[in-house]
Amino acid sequence: MRTRTILVAAVLTAATTAYAQQPEIKGDAQRARERISLCIGCHGIPAYRTAYPEVYSVPMIAGQNPAYIVKALEAYKSGARNHPSMHAVARSLSDQDMADVAMYYGTAAK
């Protein structure tokens, strides 16, 4: 039992160290310009409503907190948030793309 405890502690320490050593991803609003065409068609139109998969009021995301946008995109990508169009869009984005798009919209005027 003691050996197992030591092994688990070693694995957790190694995983924590590896996670801590990963560089923080910083968004670049200029780089996002290559990706926002996927977003602007819905999120850039005031009072836009989509009819797929059901009638849904599309939120304006300009000025939204970048960390919130990243978390939302991650949730759509993983399937934790359910919207077919957003799932497809988020699946096409890398972590860097998400950070860039979030920075672009987070610093955009409402």
PDB file of N, CA and C in Angstrom:
ATOM      1  N   MET A   1       0.825  -1.196   0.000  1.00  0.00           N
ATOM      2  CA  MET A   1       0.000   0.000   0.000  1.00  0.00           C
ATOM      3  C   MET A   1       0.866   1.255   0.000  1.00  0.00           C
ATOM      4  N   ARG A   2       1.949   1.244   0.746  1.00  0.00           N
ATOM      5  CA  ARG A   2       2.838   2.406   0.822  1.00  0.00           C
ATOM      6  C   ARG A   2       3.473   2.679  -0.536  1.00  0.00           C
ATOM      7  N   THR A   3       3.858   1.629  -1.240  1.00  0.00           N
ATOM      8  CA  THR A   3       4.465   1.779  -2.564  1.00  0.00           C
ATOM      9  C   THR A   3       3.465   2.421  -3.526  1.00  0.00           C
ATOM     10  N   ARG A   4       2.229   1.984  -3.432  1.00  0.00           N
ATOM     11  CA  ARG A   4       1.192   2.535  -4.297  1.00  0.00           C
ATOM     12  C   ARG A   4       0.992   4.029  -3.999  1.00  0.00           C
ATOM     13  N   THR A   5       0.979   4.419  -2.752  1.00  0.00           N
ATOM     14  CA  THR A   5       0.814   5.817  -2.357  1.00  0.00           C
ATOM     15  C   THR A   5       1.961   6.665  -2.889  1.00  0.00           C
ATOM     16  N   ILE A   6       3.177   6.150  -2.766  1.00  0.00           N
ATOM     17  CA  ILE A   6       4.349   6.869  -3.267  1.00  0.00           C
ATOM     18  C   ILE A   6       4.271   7.016  -4.783  1.00  0.00           C
ATOM     19  N   LEU A   7       3.849   5.962  -5.460  1.00  0.00           N
ATOM     20  CA  LEU A   7       3.724   5.994  -6.919  1.00  0.00           C
ATOM     21  C   LEU A   7       2.686   7.034  -7.354  1.00  0.00           C
ATOM     22  N   VAL A   8       1.531   7.047  -6.697  1.00  0.00           N
ATOM     23  CA  VAL A   8       0.493   8.019  -7.023  1.00  0.00           C
ATOM     24  C   VAL A   8       1.002   9.440  -6.786  1.00  0.00           C
ATOM     25  N   ALA A   9       1.693   9.663  -5.680  1.00  0.00           N
ATOM     26  CA  ALA A   9       2.242  10.984  -5.375  1.00  0.00           C
ATOM     27  C   ALA A   9       3.255  11.406  -6.435  1.00  0.00           C
ATOM     28  N   ALA A  10       4.078  10.488  -6.886  1.00  0.00           N
ATOM     29  CA  ALA A  10       5.086  10.797  -7.902  1.00  0.00           C
ATOM     30  C   ALA A  10       4.423  11.176  -9.227  1.00  0.00           C
ATOM     31  N   VAL A  11       3.393  10.435  -9.608  1.00  0.00           N
ATOM     32  CA  VAL A  11       2.685  10.719 -10.857  1.00  0.00           C
ATOM     33  C   VAL A  11       2.003  12.087 -10.783  1.00  0.00           C
ATOM     34  N   LEU A  12       1.355  12.371  -9.665  1.00  0.00           N
ATOM     35  CA  LEU A  12       0.694  13.666  -9.506  1.00  0.00           C
ATOM     36  C   LEU A  12       1.693  14.816  -9.520  1.00  0.00           C
ATOM     37  N   THR A  13       2.829  14.633  -8.909  1.00  0.00           N
ATOM     38  CA  THR A  13       3.870  15.659  -8.897  1.00  0.00           C
ATOM     39  C   THR A  13       4.390  15.908 -10.309  1.00  0.00           C
ATOM     40  N   ALA A  14       4.637  14.836 -11.050  1.00  0.00           N
ATOM     41  CA  ALA A  14       5.128  14.972 -12.422  1.00  0.00           C
ATOM     42  C   ALA A  14       4.099  15.674 -13.305  1.00  0.00           C
ATOM     43  N   ALA A  15       2.821  15.321 -13.148  1.00  0.00           N
ATOM     44  CA  ALA A  15       1.769  15.938 -13.962  1.00  0.00           C
ATOM     45  C   ALA A  15       1.623  17.417 -13.623  1.00  0.00           C
ATOM     46  N   THR A  16       1.678  17.743 -12.353  1.00  0.00           N
ATOM     47  CA  THR A  16       1.570  19.134 -11.925  1.00  0.00           C
ATOM     48  C   THR A  16       2.739  19.952 -12.442  1.00  0.00           C
ATOM     49  N   THR A  17       3.922  19.401 -12.377  1.00  0.00           N
ATOM     50  CA  THR A  17       5.117  20.089 -12.856  1.00  0.00           C
ATOM     51  C   THR A  17       5.031  20.321 -14.363  1.00  0.00           C
ATOM     52  N   ALA A  18       4.601  19.317 -15.104  1.00  0.00           N
ATOM     53  CA  ALA A  18       4.488  19.456 -16.559  1.00  0.00           C
ATOM     54  C   ALA A  18       3.464  20.517 -16.917  1.00  0.00           C
ATOM     55  N   TYR A  19       2.333  20.546 -16.195  1.00  0.00           N
ATOM     56  CA  TYR A  19       1.302  21.548 -16.451  1.00  0.00           C
ATOM     57  C   TYR A  19       1.827  22.949 -16.142  1.00  0.00           C
ATOM     58  N   ALA A  20       2.519  23.083 -15.042  1.00  0.00           N
ATOM     59  CA  ALA A  20       3.029  24.387 -14.623  1.00  0.00           C
ATOM     60  C   ALA A  20       4.086  24.925 -15.587  1.00  0.00           C
ATOM     61  N   GLN A  21       4.781  24.048 -16.291  1.00  0.00           N
ATOM     62  CA  GLN A  21       5.843  24.472 -17.193  1.00  0.00           C
ATOM     63  C   GLN A  21       5.325  24.909 -18.559  1.00  0.00           C
ATOM     64  N   GLN A  22       4.049  24.630 -18.851  1.00  0.00           N
ATOM     65  CA  GLN A  22       3.505  25.031 -20.135  1.00  0.00           C
ATOM     66  C   GLN A  22       3.341  26.545 -20.161  1.00  0.00           C
ATOM     67  N   PRO A  23       3.769  27.170 -21.236  1.00  0.00           N
ATOM     68  CA  PRO A  23       3.653  28.632 -21.308  1.00  0.00           C
ATOM     69  C   PRO A  23       2.191  29.057 -21.401  1.00  0.00           C
ATOM     70  N   GLU A  24       1.883  30.203 -20.814  1.00  0.00           N
ATOM     71  CA  GLU A  24       0.540  30.756 -20.893  1.00  0.00           C
ATOM     72  C   GLU A  24       0.303  31.208 -22.325  1.00  0.00           C
ATOM     73  N   ILE A  25      -0.862  30.891 -22.836  1.00  0.00           N
ATOM     74  CA  ILE A  25      -1.211  31.309 -24.193  1.00  0.00           C
ATOM     75  C   ILE A  25      -1.776  32.715 -24.114  1.00  0.00           C
ATOM     76  N   LYS A  26      -1.169  33.623 -24.854  1.00  0.00           N
ATOM     77  CA  LYS A  26      -1.622  35.012 -24.883  1.00  0.00           C
ATOM     78  C   LYS A  26      -2.284  35.277 -26.223  1.00  0.00           C
ATOM     79  N   GLY A  27      -3.453  35.883 -26.153  1.00  0.00           N
ATOM     80  CA  GLY A  27      -4.186  36.195 -27.367  1.00  0.00           C
ATOM     81  C   GLY A  27      -3.617  37.394 -28.097  1.00  0.00           C
ATOM     82  N   ASP A  28      -3.779  37.380 -29.400  1.00  0.00           N
ATOM     83  CA  ASP A  28      -3.324  38.468 -30.267  1.00  0.00           C
ATOM     84  C   ASP A  28      -4.497  38.877 -31.155  1.00  0.00           C
ATOM     85  N   ALA A  29      -5.052  40.056 -30.892  1.00  0.00           N
ATOM     86  CA  ALA A  29      -6.220  40.523 -31.625  1.00  0.00           C
ATOM     87  C   ALA A  29      -5.954  40.655 -33.128  1.00  0.00           C
ATOM     88  N   GLN A  30      -4.746  41.050 -33.504  1.00  0.00           N
ATOM     89  CA  GLN A  30      -4.414  41.183 -34.930  1.00  0.00           C
ATOM     90  C   GLN A  30      -4.427  39.825 -35.632  1.00  0.00           C
ATOM     91  N   ARG A  31      -3.877  38.821 -34.973  1.00  0.00           N
ATOM     92  CA  ARG A  31      -3.825  37.482 -35.558  1.00  0.00           C
ATOM     93  C   ARG A  31      -5.241  36.907 -35.700  1.00  0.00           C
ATOM     94  N   ALA A  32      -6.161  37.330 -34.838  1.00  0.00           N
ATOM     95  CA  ALA A  32      -7.536  36.823 -34.869  1.00  0.00           C
ATOM     96  C   ALA A  32      -8.259  37.192 -36.142  1.00  0.00           C
ATOM     97  N   ARG A  33      -7.816  38.244 -36.804  1.00  0.00           N
ATOM     98  CA  ARG A  33      -8.494  38.694 -38.025  1.00  0.00           C
ATOM     99  C   ARG A  33      -8.578  37.580 -39.070  1.00  0.00           C
ATOM    100  N   GLU A  34      -7.677  36.599 -38.983  1.00  0.00           N
ATOM    101  CA  GLU A  34      -7.705  35.468 -39.908  1.00  0.00           C
ATOM    102  C   GLU A  34      -8.807  34.476 -39.545  1.00  0.00           C
ATOM    103  N   ARG A  35      -9.331  34.552 -38.331  1.00  0.00           N
ATOM    104  CA  ARG A  35     -10.301  33.579 -37.839  1.00  0.00           C
ATOM    105  C   ARG A  35     -11.706  34.123 -37.620  1.00  0.00           C
ATOM    106  N   ILE A  36     -11.870  35.427 -37.513  1.00  0.00           N
ATOM    107  CA  ILE A  36     -13.168  35.958 -37.109  1.00  0.00           C
ATOM    108  C   ILE A  36     -14.253  35.828 -38.166  1.00  0.00           C
ATOM    109  N   SER A  37     -13.905  35.471 -39.378  1.00  0.00           N
ATOM    110  CA  SER A  37     -14.941  35.284 -40.391  1.00  0.00           C
ATOM    111  C   SER A  37     -15.915  34.193 -39.954  1.00  0.00           C
ATOM    112  N   LEU A  38     -15.454  33.272 -39.114  1.00  0.00           N
ATOM    113  CA  LEU A  38     -16.330  32.231 -38.590  1.00  0.00           C
ATOM    114  C   LEU A  38     -17.309  32.795 -37.561  1.00  0.00           C
ATOM    115  N   CYS A  39     -16.981  33.917 -36.967  1.00  0.00           N
ATOM    116  CA  CYS A  39     -17.774  34.490 -35.869  1.00  0.00           C
ATOM    117  C   CYS A  39     -18.671  35.632 -36.316  1.00  0.00           C
ATOM    118  N   ILE A  40     -18.111  36.488 -37.160  1.00  0.00           N
ATOM    119  CA  ILE A  40     -18.760  37.754 -37.477  1.00  0.00           C
ATOM    120  C   ILE A  40     -20.092  37.578 -38.200  1.00  0.00           C
ATOM    121  N   GLY A  41     -20.250  36.492 -38.926  1.00  0.00           N
ATOM    122  CA  GLY A  41     -21.498  36.252 -39.655  1.00  0.00           C
ATOM    123  C   GLY A  41     -22.715  36.162 -38.764  1.00  0.00           C
ATOM    124  N   CYS A  42     -22.537  35.789 -37.519  1.00  0.00           N
ATOM    125  CA  CYS A  42     -23.657  35.727 -36.570  1.00  0.00           C
ATOM    126  C   CYS A  42     -23.492  36.735 -35.439  1.00  0.00           C
ATOM    127  N   HIS A  43     -22.316  36.761 -34.826  1.00  0.00           N
ATOM    128  CA  HIS A  43     -22.097  37.596 -33.646  1.00  0.00           C
ATOM    129  C   HIS A  43     -21.865  39.067 -33.975  1.00  0.00           C
ATOM    130  N   GLY A  44     -21.718  39.393 -35.238  1.00  0.00           N
ATOM    131  CA  GLY A  44     -21.481  40.780 -35.620  1.00  0.00           C
ATOM    132  C   GLY A  44     -22.726  41.503 -36.103  1.00  0.00           C
ATOM    133  N   ILE A  45     -23.886  40.843 -36.036  1.00  0.00           N
ATOM    134  CA  ILE A  45     -25.121  41.432 -36.538  1.00  0.00           C
ATOM    135  C   ILE A  45     -26.033  41.741 -35.346  1.00  0.00           C
ATOM    136  N   PRO A  46     -26.299  43.013 -35.080  1.00  0.00           N
ATOM    137  CA  PRO A  46     -27.173  43.355 -33.950  1.00  0.00           C
ATOM    138  C   PRO A  46     -28.547  42.691 -34.065  1.00  0.00           C
ATOM    139  N   ALA A  47     -29.020  42.142 -32.949  1.00  0.00           N
ATOM    140  CA  ALA A  47     -30.339  41.499 -32.836  1.00  0.00           C
ATOM    141  C   ALA A  47     -30.504  40.303 -33.774  1.00  0.00           C
ATOM    142  N   TYR A  48     -29.404  39.679 -34.182  1.00  0.00           N
ATOM    143  CA  TYR A  48     -29.480  38.530 -35.089  1.00  0.00           C
ATOM    144  C   TYR A  48     -30.075  37.327 -34.379  1.00  0.00           C
ATOM    145  N   ARG A  49     -30.932  36.625 -35.106  1.00  0.00           N
ATOM    146  CA  ARG A  49     -31.513  35.381 -34.589  1.00  0.00           C
ATOM    147  C   ARG A  49     -31.278  34.301 -35.628  1.00  0.00           C
ATOM    148  N   THR A  50     -30.890  33.147 -35.162  1.00  0.00           N
ATOM    149  CA  THR A  50     -30.670  32.032 -36.065  1.00  0.00           C
ATOM    150  C   THR A  50     -31.827  31.049 -35.921  1.00  0.00           C
ATOM    151  N   ALA A  51     -32.096  30.295 -36.937  1.00  0.00           N
ATOM    152  CA  ALA A  51     -33.180  29.322 -36.886  1.00  0.00           C
ATOM    153  C   ALA A  51     -32.653  27.899 -36.854  1.00  0.00           C
ATOM    154  N   TYR A  52     -31.351  27.734 -36.651  1.00  0.00           N
ATOM    155  CA  TYR A  52     -30.782  26.389 -36.611  1.00  0.00           C
ATOM    156  C   TYR A  52     -30.012  26.189 -35.332  1.00  0.00           C
ATOM    157  N   PRO A  53     -30.213  25.180 -34.589  1.00  0.00           N
ATOM    158  CA  PRO A  53     -31.211  24.127 -34.762  1.00  0.00           C
ATOM    159  C   PRO A  53     -32.603  24.545 -34.301  1.00  0.00           C
ATOM    160  N   GLU A  54     -32.711  25.676 -33.657  1.00  0.00           N
ATOM    161  CA  GLU A  54     -33.997  26.256 -33.268  1.00  0.00           C
ATOM    162  C   GLU A  54     -33.804  27.766 -33.246  1.00  0.00           C
ATOM    163  N   VAL A  55     -34.884  28.504 -33.101  1.00  0.00           N
ATOM    164  CA  VAL A  55     -34.752  29.959 -33.061  1.00  0.00           C
ATOM    165  C   VAL A  55     -33.961  30.329 -31.812  1.00  0.00           C
ATOM    166  N   TYR A  56     -32.899  31.083 -32.030  1.00  0.00           N
ATOM    167  CA  TYR A  56     -31.960  31.402 -30.971  1.00  0.00           C
ATOM    168  C   TYR A  56     -31.441  32.816 -31.191  1.00  0.00           C
ATOM    169  N   SER A  57     -31.521  33.637 -30.163  1.00  0.00           N
ATOM    170  CA  SER A  57     -30.955  34.985 -30.247  1.00  0.00           C
ATOM    171  C   SER A  57     -29.452  34.899 -30.058  1.00  0.00           C
ATOM    172  N   VAL A  58     -28.718  35.316 -31.048  1.00  0.00           N
ATOM    173  CA  VAL A  58     -27.261  35.235 -31.019  1.00  0.00           C
ATOM    174  C   VAL A  58     -26.714  36.415 -30.219  1.00  0.00           C
ATOM    175  N   PRO A  59     -25.913  36.140 -29.189  1.00  0.00           N
ATOM    176  CA  PRO A  59     -25.391  37.254 -28.386  1.00  0.00           C
ATOM    177  C   PRO A  59     -24.288  38.021 -29.108  1.00  0.00           C
ATOM    178  N   MET A  60     -24.252  39.311 -28.856  1.00  0.00           N
ATOM    179  CA  MET A  60     -23.133  40.127 -29.318  1.00  0.00           C
ATOM    180  C   MET A  60     -21.986  39.833 -28.350  1.00  0.00           C
ATOM    181  N   ILE A  61     -20.807  39.575 -28.852  1.00  0.00           N
ATOM    182  CA  ILE A  61     -19.696  39.214 -27.962  1.00  0.00           C
ATOM    183  C   ILE A  61     -18.620  40.287 -27.880  1.00  0.00           C
ATOM    184  N   ALA A  62     -18.783  41.370 -28.612  1.00  0.00           N
ATOM    185  CA  ALA A  62     -17.814  42.469 -28.517  1.00  0.00           C
ATOM    186  C   ALA A  62     -17.823  43.022 -27.101  1.00  0.00           C
ATOM    187  N   GLY A  63     -16.653  43.152 -26.517  1.00  0.00           N
ATOM    188  CA  GLY A  63     -16.523  43.677 -25.167  1.00  0.00           C
ATOM    189  C   GLY A  63     -16.654  42.623 -24.070  1.00  0.00           C
ATOM    190  N   GLN A  64     -16.916  41.383 -24.452  1.00  0.00           N
ATOM    191  CA  GLN A  64     -17.032  40.306 -23.462  1.00  0.00           C
ATOM    192  C   GLN A  64     -15.651  39.988 -22.886  1.00  0.00           C
ATOM    193  N   ASN A  65     -15.618  39.526 -21.670  1.00  0.00           N
ATOM    194  CA  ASN A  65     -14.362  39.152 -21.012  1.00  0.00           C
ATOM    195  C   ASN A  65     -13.662  38.049 -21.826  1.00  0.00           C
ATOM    196  N   PRO A  66     -12.401  38.258 -22.227  1.00  0.00           N
ATOM    197  CA  PRO A  66     -11.691  37.250 -23.023  1.00  0.00           C
ATOM    198  C   PRO A  66     -11.635  35.869 -22.361  1.00  0.00           C
ATOM    199  N   ALA A  67     -11.447  35.826 -21.048  1.00  0.00           N
ATOM    200  CA  ALA A  67     -11.384  34.524 -20.357  1.00  0.00           C
ATOM    201  C   ALA A  67     -12.718  33.791 -20.488  1.00  0.00           C
ATOM    202  N   TYR A  68     -13.810  34.532 -20.437  1.00  0.00           N
ATOM    203  CA  TYR A  68     -15.131  33.923 -20.597  1.00  0.00           C
ATOM    204  C   TYR A  68     -15.280  33.348 -22.009  1.00  0.00           C
ATOM    205  N   ILE A  69     -14.836  34.100 -23.012  1.00  0.00           N
ATOM    206  CA  ILE A  69     -14.943  33.633 -24.393  1.00  0.00           C
ATOM    207  C   ILE A  69     -14.147  32.348 -24.581  1.00  0.00           C
ATOM    208  N   VAL A  70     -12.936  32.303 -24.044  1.00  0.00           N
ATOM    209  CA  VAL A  70     -12.117  31.087 -24.153  1.00  0.00           C
ATOM    210  C   VAL A  70     -12.827  29.909 -23.498  1.00  0.00           C
ATOM    211  N   LYS A  71     -13.333  30.097 -22.283  1.00  0.00           N
ATOM    212  CA  LYS A  71     -14.024  29.014 -21.571  1.00  0.00           C
ATOM    213  C   LYS A  71     -15.252  28.547 -22.347  1.00  0.00           C
ATOM    214  N   ALA A  72     -15.996  29.487 -22.925  1.00  0.00           N
ATOM    215  CA  ALA A  72     -17.170  29.119 -23.708  1.00  0.00           C
ATOM    216  C   ALA A  72     -16.767  28.312 -24.945  1.00  0.00           C
ATOM    217  N   LEU A  73     -15.732  28.758 -25.644  1.00  0.00           N
ATOM    218  CA  LEU A  73     -15.270  28.018 -26.822  1.00  0.00           C
ATOM    219  C   LEU A  73     -14.770  26.623 -26.451  1.00  0.00           C
ATOM    220  N   GLU A  74     -14.055  26.523 -25.338  1.00  0.00           N
ATOM    221  CA  GLU A  74     -13.591  25.208 -24.867  1.00  0.00           C
ATOM    222  C   GLU A  74     -14.779  24.296 -24.558  1.00  0.00           C
ATOM    223  N   ALA A  75     -15.815  24.860 -23.955  1.00  0.00           N
ATOM    224  CA  ALA A  75     -17.008  24.070 -23.623  1.00  0.00           C
ATOM    225  C   ALA A  75     -17.743  23.621 -24.884  1.00  0.00           C
ATOM    226  N   TYR A  76     -17.842  24.495 -25.876  1.00  0.00           N
ATOM    227  CA  TYR A  76     -18.451  24.084 -27.145  1.00  0.00           C
ATOM    228  C   TYR A  76     -17.608  23.002 -27.820  1.00  0.00           C
ATOM    229  N   LYS A  77     -16.303  23.162 -27.794  1.00  0.00           N
ATOM    230  CA  LYS A  77     -15.407  22.196 -28.436  1.00  0.00           C
ATOM    231  C   LYS A  77     -15.524  20.825 -27.790  1.00  0.00           C
ATOM    232  N   SER A  78     -15.613  20.787 -26.463  1.00  0.00           N
ATOM    233  CA  SER A  78     -15.688  19.509 -25.750  1.00  0.00           C
ATOM    234  C   SER A  78     -17.088  18.900 -25.771  1.00  0.00           C
ATOM    235  N   GLY A  79     -18.080  19.710 -26.108  1.00  0.00           N
ATOM    236  CA  GLY A  79     -19.458  19.233 -26.088  1.00  0.00           C
ATOM    237  C   GLY A  79     -20.171  19.522 -24.773  1.00  0.00           C
ATOM    238  N   ALA A  80     -19.485  20.163 -23.828  1.00  0.00           N
ATOM    239  CA  ALA A  80     -20.114  20.518 -22.553  1.00  0.00           C
ATOM    240  C   ALA A  80     -21.218  21.555 -22.759  1.00  0.00           C
ATOM    241  N   ARG A  81     -21.059  22.416 -23.755  1.00  0.00           N
ATOM    242  CA  ARG A  81     -22.122  23.335 -24.166  1.00  0.00           C
ATOM    243  C   ARG A  81     -22.629  22.830 -25.502  1.00  0.00           C
ATOM    244  N   ASN A  82     -23.938  22.870 -25.666  1.00  0.00           N
ATOM    245  CA  ASN A  82     -24.535  22.227 -26.823  1.00  0.00           C
ATOM    246  C   ASN A  82     -25.119  23.243 -27.808  1.00  0.00           C
ATOM    247  N   HIS A  83     -24.466  23.388 -28.927  1.00  0.00           N
ATOM    248  CA  HIS A  83     -24.999  24.122 -30.070  1.00  0.00           C
ATOM    249  C   HIS A  83     -24.230  23.612 -31.288  1.00  0.00           C
ATOM    250  N   PRO A  84     -24.910  22.954 -32.232  1.00  0.00           N
ATOM    251  CA  PRO A  84     -24.199  22.320 -33.355  1.00  0.00           C
ATOM    252  C   PRO A  84     -23.269  23.244 -34.121  1.00  0.00           C
ATOM    253  N   SER A  85     -23.709  24.460 -34.429  1.00  0.00           N
ATOM    254  CA  SER A  85     -22.857  25.372 -35.194  1.00  0.00           C
ATOM    255  C   SER A  85     -21.629  25.777 -34.388  1.00  0.00           C
ATOM    256  N   MET A  86     -21.844  26.123 -33.121  1.00  0.00           N
ATOM    257  CA  MET A  86     -20.720  26.533 -32.276  1.00  0.00           C
ATOM    258  C   MET A  86     -19.765  25.368 -32.017  1.00  0.00           C
ATOM    259  N   HIS A  87     -20.301  24.171 -31.901  1.00  0.00           N
ATOM    260  CA  HIS A  87     -19.436  22.994 -31.711  1.00  0.00           C
ATOM    261  C   HIS A  87     -18.516  22.833 -32.917  1.00  0.00           C
ATOM    262  N   ALA A  88     -19.086  22.955 -34.108  1.00  0.00           N
ATOM    263  CA  ALA A  88     -18.293  22.812 -35.328  1.00  0.00           C
ATOM    264  C   ALA A  88     -17.232  23.899 -35.436  1.00  0.00           C
ATOM    265  N   VAL A  89     -17.605  25.136 -35.124  1.00  0.00           N
ATOM    266  CA  VAL A  89     -16.653  26.245 -35.191  1.00  0.00           C
ATOM    267  C   VAL A  89     -15.535  26.030 -34.171  1.00  0.00           C
ATOM    268  N   ALA A  90     -15.907  25.737 -32.935  1.00  0.00           N
ATOM    269  CA  ALA A  90     -14.911  25.580 -31.868  1.00  0.00           C
ATOM    270  C   ALA A  90     -13.966  24.415 -32.142  1.00  0.00           C
ATOM    271  N   ARG A  91     -14.471  23.356 -32.739  1.00  0.00           N
ATOM    272  CA  ARG A  91     -13.599  22.210 -33.063  1.00  0.00           C
ATOM    273  C   ARG A  91     -12.517  22.585 -34.064  1.00  0.00           C
ATOM    274  N   SER A  92     -12.770  23.613 -34.853  1.00  0.00           N
ATOM    275  CA  SER A  92     -11.790  24.017 -35.865  1.00  0.00           C
ATOM    276  C   SER A  92     -10.713  24.944 -35.302  1.00  0.00           C
ATOM    277  N   LEU A  93     -10.857  25.357 -34.028  1.00  0.00           N
ATOM    278  CA  LEU A  93      -9.933  26.318 -33.434  1.00  0.00           C
ATOM    279  C   LEU A  93      -8.912  25.647 -32.517  1.00  0.00           C
ATOM    280  N   SER A  94      -7.674  26.075 -32.632  1.00  0.00           N
ATOM    281  CA  SER A  94      -6.642  25.632 -31.689  1.00  0.00           C
ATOM    282  C   SER A  94      -6.769  26.472 -30.417  1.00  0.00           C
ATOM    283  N   ASP A  95      -6.029  26.100 -29.378  1.00  0.00           N
ATOM    284  CA  ASP A  95      -6.022  26.914 -28.154  1.00  0.00           C
ATOM    285  C   ASP A  95      -5.553  28.334 -28.451  1.00  0.00           C
ATOM    286  N   GLN A  96      -4.567  28.468 -29.326  1.00  0.00           N
ATOM    287  CA  GLN A  96      -4.062  29.798 -29.695  1.00  0.00           C
ATOM    288  C   GLN A  96      -5.134  30.583 -30.446  1.00  0.00           C
ATOM    289  N   ASP A  97      -5.834  29.917 -31.369  1.00  0.00           N
ATOM    290  CA  ASP A  97      -6.912  30.581 -32.100  1.00  0.00           C
ATOM    291  C   ASP A  97      -7.970  31.109 -31.133  1.00  0.00           C
ATOM    292  N   MET A  98      -8.334  30.286 -30.144  1.00  0.00           N
ATOM    293  CA  MET A  98      -9.346  30.703 -29.163  1.00  0.00           C
ATOM    294  C   MET A  98      -8.880  31.929 -28.388  1.00  0.00           C
ATOM    295  N   ALA A  99      -7.631  31.919 -27.977  1.00  0.00           N
ATOM    296  CA  ALA A  99      -7.090  33.060 -27.230  1.00  0.00           C
ATOM    297  C   ALA A  99      -7.069  34.311 -28.111  1.00  0.00           C
ATOM    298  N   ASP A 100      -6.732  34.144 -29.379  1.00  0.00           N
ATOM    299  CA  ASP A 100      -6.691  35.279 -30.301  1.00  0.00           C
ATOM    300  C   ASP A 100      -8.092  35.862 -30.523  1.00  0.00           C
ATOM    301  N   VAL A 101      -9.059  34.998 -30.789  1.00  0.00           N
ATOM    302  CA  VAL A 101     -10.435  35.446 -31.014  1.00  0.00           C
ATOM    303  C   VAL A 101     -10.981  36.115 -29.753  1.00  0.00           C
ATOM    304  N   ALA A 102     -10.694  35.528 -28.612  1.00  0.00           N
ATOM    305  CA  ALA A 102     -11.152  36.098 -27.338  1.00  0.00           C
ATOM    306  C   ALA A 102     -10.552  37.480 -27.113  1.00  0.00           C
ATOM    307  N   MET A 103      -9.285  37.652 -27.438  1.00  0.00           N
ATOM    308  CA  MET A 103      -8.653  38.947 -27.289  1.00  0.00           C
ATOM    309  C   MET A 103      -9.262  39.959 -28.261  1.00  0.00           C
ATOM    310  N   TYR A 104      -9.510  39.529 -29.474  1.00  0.00           N
ATOM    311  CA  TYR A 104     -10.112  40.412 -30.467  1.00  0.00           C
ATOM    312  C   TYR A 104     -11.471  40.924 -29.987  1.00  0.00           C
ATOM    313  N   TYR A 105     -12.342  40.001 -29.609  1.00  0.00           N
ATOM    314  CA  TYR A 105     -13.679  40.401 -29.173  1.00  0.00           C
ATOM    315  C   TYR A 105     -13.668  41.053 -27.795  1.00  0.00           C
ATOM    316  N   GLY A 106     -12.763  40.640 -26.945  1.00  0.00           N
ATOM    317  CA  GLY A 106     -12.676  41.220 -25.606  1.00  0.00           C
ATOM    318  C   GLY A 106     -12.234  42.672 -25.611  1.00  0.00           C
ATOM    319  N   THR A 107     -11.502  43.050 -26.643  1.00  0.00           N
ATOM    320  CA  THR A 107     -11.018  44.434 -26.718  1.00  0.00           C
ATOM    321  C   THR A 107     -11.810  45.255 -27.739  1.00  0.00           C
ATOM    322  N   ALA A 108     -12.795  44.640 -28.376  1.00  0.00           N
ATOM    323  CA  ALA A 108     -13.625  45.352 -29.363  1.00  0.00           C
ATOM    324  C   ALA A 108     -14.672  46.196 -28.641  1.00  0.00           C
ATOM    325  N   ALA A 109     -14.998  47.304 -29.224  1.00  0.00           N
ATOM    326  CA  ALA A 109     -16.033  48.175 -28.653  1.00  0.00           C
ATOM    327  C   ALA A 109     -17.393  47.529 -28.824  1.00  0.00           C
ATOM    328  N   LYS A 110     -18.227  47.726 -27.827  1.00  0.00           N
ATOM    329  CA  LYS A 110     -19.594  47.167 -27.885  1.00  0.00           C
ATOM    330  C   LYS A 110     -20.438  47.926 -28.868  1.00  0.00           C
TER     331      LYS A 110
END
